[in-house]
């Protein structure tokens, strides 16, 4: 059985190395290019078909947003745009 992931995830960065993910788990993150992230809410995405969602150098953090509602607005906008860019699945011939 394959795990389904959305393209984007809203997380809450608590301090310089700790965040709460979408499933309410406390996770460590390390982001060598962005360095320490400011506390707040972020929208995170990963490239392509990433199977293991780690909060590392492959994660793209957008934010910080002061309120979770702001992060969800960005999340929803990005999800809609990503769906528009995906090709529609073809139905089998009858």
C-alpha atoms as a PDB file:
ATOM      1  CA  UNK A   1       0.000   0.000   0.000  1.00  0.00           C
ATOM      2  CA  UNK A   2       1.364   3.385  -0.990  1.00  0.00           C
ATOM      3  CA  UNK A   3       1.281   6.343   1.345  1.00  0.00           C
ATOM      4  CA  UNK A   4      -0.483   9.407  -0.012  1.00  0.00           C
ATOM      5  CA  UNK A   5       1.086  12.769   0.669  1.00  0.00           C
ATOM      6  CA  UNK A   6      -0.201  16.171  -0.263  1.00  0.00           C
ATOM      7  CA  UNK A   7       2.258  18.362  -2.113  1.00  0.00           C
ATOM      8  CA  UNK A   8       2.450  20.851   0.763  1.00  0.00           C
ATOM      9  CA  UNK A   9       2.332  20.688   4.553  1.00  0.00           C
ATOM     10  CA  UNK A  10       1.743  23.387   7.171  1.00  0.00           C
ATOM     11  CA  UNK A  11       4.149  23.197  10.116  1.00  0.00           C
ATOM     12  CA  UNK A  12       4.720  25.270  13.238  1.00  0.00           C
ATOM     13  CA  UNK A  13       8.367  26.104  13.924  1.00  0.00           C
ATOM     14  CA  UNK A  14       8.795  26.442  17.683  1.00  0.00           C
ATOM     15  CA  UNK A  15      12.478  27.311  17.925  1.00  0.00           C
ATOM     16  CA  UNK A  16      15.703  27.068  15.994  1.00  0.00           C
ATOM     17  CA  UNK A  17      15.676  23.263  15.594  1.00  0.00           C
ATOM     18  CA  UNK A  18      12.174  22.044  16.528  1.00  0.00           C
ATOM     19  CA  UNK A  19       8.821  22.070  14.735  1.00  0.00           C
ATOM     20  CA  UNK A  20       5.368  20.523  14.993  1.00  0.00           C
ATOM     21  CA  UNK A  21       4.334  18.750  11.788  1.00  0.00           C
ATOM     22  CA  UNK A  22       0.869  18.348  10.266  1.00  0.00           C
ATOM     23  CA  UNK A  23       0.248  15.200  12.331  1.00  0.00           C
ATOM     24  CA  UNK A  24       1.086  17.043  15.582  1.00  0.00           C
ATOM     25  CA  UNK A  25       4.431  15.299  16.049  1.00  0.00           C
ATOM     26  CA  UNK A  26       7.374  17.260  17.377  1.00  0.00           C
ATOM     27  CA  UNK A  27      10.218  16.936  14.891  1.00  0.00           C
ATOM     28  CA  UNK A  28      13.766  18.163  14.651  1.00  0.00           C
ATOM     29  CA  UNK A  29      14.701  19.990  11.497  1.00  0.00           C
ATOM     30  CA  UNK A  30      17.986  20.978   9.995  1.00  0.00           C
ATOM     31  CA  UNK A  31      18.197  23.274   7.050  1.00  0.00           C
ATOM     32  CA  UNK A  32      21.781  24.113   6.130  1.00  0.00           C
ATOM     33  CA  UNK A  33      20.895  26.633   3.400  1.00  0.00           C
ATOM     34  CA  UNK A  34      18.203  28.507   5.316  1.00  0.00           C
ATOM     35  CA  UNK A  35      19.938  28.177   8.670  1.00  0.00           C
ATOM     36  CA  UNK A  36      17.794  28.811  11.689  1.00  0.00           C
ATOM     37  CA  UNK A  37      14.169  29.495  10.894  1.00  0.00           C
ATOM     38  CA  UNK A  38      12.263  32.123  12.825  1.00  0.00           C
ATOM     39  CA  UNK A  39       9.383  30.832  14.977  1.00  0.00           C
ATOM     40  CA  UNK A  40       6.041  30.838  13.179  1.00  0.00           C
ATOM     41  CA  UNK A  41       4.015  28.875  10.672  1.00  0.00           C
ATOM     42  CA  UNK A  42       5.510  27.636   7.404  1.00  0.00           C
ATOM     43  CA  UNK A  43       4.298  25.865   4.284  1.00  0.00           C
ATOM     44  CA  UNK A  44       6.742  23.082   3.408  1.00  0.00           C
ATOM     45  CA  UNK A  45       7.155  21.201   0.139  1.00  0.00           C
ATOM     46  CA  UNK A  46       9.564  18.584  -1.187  1.00  0.00           C
ATOM     47  CA  UNK A  47      10.870  17.954  -4.700  1.00  0.00           C
ATOM     48  CA  UNK A  48       9.242  15.403  -6.983  1.00  0.00           C
ATOM     49  CA  UNK A  49       8.310  12.018  -5.638  1.00  0.00           C
ATOM     50  CA  UNK A  50      10.080  12.227  -2.292  1.00  0.00           C
ATOM     51  CA  UNK A  51       9.098   9.162  -0.307  1.00  0.00           C
ATOM     52  CA  UNK A  52      10.546  10.064   3.089  1.00  0.00           C
ATOM     53  CA  UNK A  53       9.400  13.472   4.187  1.00  0.00           C
ATOM     54  CA  UNK A  54      12.270  14.836   6.221  1.00  0.00           C
ATOM     55  CA  UNK A  55      12.704  18.397   7.313  1.00  0.00           C
ATOM     56  CA  UNK A  56      16.199  18.745   5.896  1.00  0.00           C
ATOM     57  CA  UNK A  57      18.028  20.356   2.982  1.00  0.00           C
ATOM     58  CA  UNK A  58      15.448  18.980   0.510  1.00  0.00           C
ATOM     59  CA  UNK A  59      12.512  20.652   2.229  1.00  0.00           C
ATOM     60  CA  UNK A  60      11.406  24.048   0.916  1.00  0.00           C
ATOM     61  CA  UNK A  61      10.114  26.243   3.766  1.00  0.00           C
ATOM     62  CA  UNK A  62       7.847  29.188   2.841  1.00  0.00           C
ATOM     63  CA  UNK A  63       7.206  31.654   5.635  1.00  0.00           C
ATOM     64  CA  UNK A  64       7.182  32.508   8.451  1.00  0.00           C
ATOM     65  CA  UNK A  65       3.555  33.463   8.874  1.00  0.00           C
ATOM     66  CA  UNK A  66       2.371  34.886  12.173  1.00  0.00           C
ATOM     67  CA  UNK A  67      -0.959  33.027  12.108  1.00  0.00           C
ATOM     68  CA  UNK A  68      -1.850  29.530  11.002  1.00  0.00           C
ATOM     69  CA  UNK A  69      -4.715  30.918   8.896  1.00  0.00           C
ATOM     70  CA  UNK A  70      -2.189  32.807   6.756  1.00  0.00           C
ATOM     71  CA  UNK A  71      -0.149  29.642   6.225  1.00  0.00           C
ATOM     72  CA  UNK A  72      -3.277  27.683   5.252  1.00  0.00           C
ATOM     73  CA  UNK A  73      -4.246  30.359   2.719  1.00  0.00           C
ATOM     74  CA  UNK A  74      -0.833  30.000   1.062  1.00  0.00           C
ATOM     75  CA  UNK A  75      -1.058  26.185   1.326  1.00  0.00           C
ATOM     76  CA  UNK A  76      -4.423  26.108  -0.438  1.00  0.00           C
ATOM     77  CA  UNK A  77      -3.246  28.474  -3.193  1.00  0.00           C
ATOM     78  CA  UNK A  78      -0.138  26.344  -3.815  1.00  0.00           C
ATOM     79  CA  UNK A  79      -2.188  23.104  -3.850  1.00  0.00           C
ATOM     80  CA  UNK A  80      -4.599  24.536  -6.440  1.00  0.00           C
ATOM     81  CA  UNK A  81      -1.708  25.663  -8.633  1.00  0.00           C
ATOM     82  CA  UNK A  82       0.000  22.251  -8.342  1.00  0.00           C
ATOM     83  CA  UNK A  83      -3.218  20.465  -9.354  1.00  0.00           C
ATOM     84  CA  UNK A  84      -3.588  22.710 -12.409  1.00  0.00           C
ATOM     85  CA  UNK A  85      -0.117  21.727 -13.554  1.00  0.00           C
ATOM     86  CA  UNK A  86      -0.660  17.968 -13.172  1.00  0.00           C
ATOM     87  CA  UNK A  87      -1.853  16.136 -16.265  1.00  0.00           C
ATOM     88  CA  UNK A  88      -5.332  14.679 -16.006  1.00  0.00           C
ATOM     89  CA  UNK A  89      -5.374  10.893 -15.751  1.00  0.00           C
ATOM     90  CA  UNK A  90      -6.726   9.220 -18.871  1.00  0.00           C
ATOM     91  CA  UNK A  91      -9.733   6.979 -18.592  1.00  0.00           C
ATOM     92  CA  UNK A  92      -9.432   3.517 -20.129  1.00  0.00           C
ATOM     93  CA  UNK A  93     -11.316   3.068 -23.428  1.00  0.00           C
ATOM     94  CA  UNK A  94     -14.748   1.510 -23.217  1.00  0.00           C
END
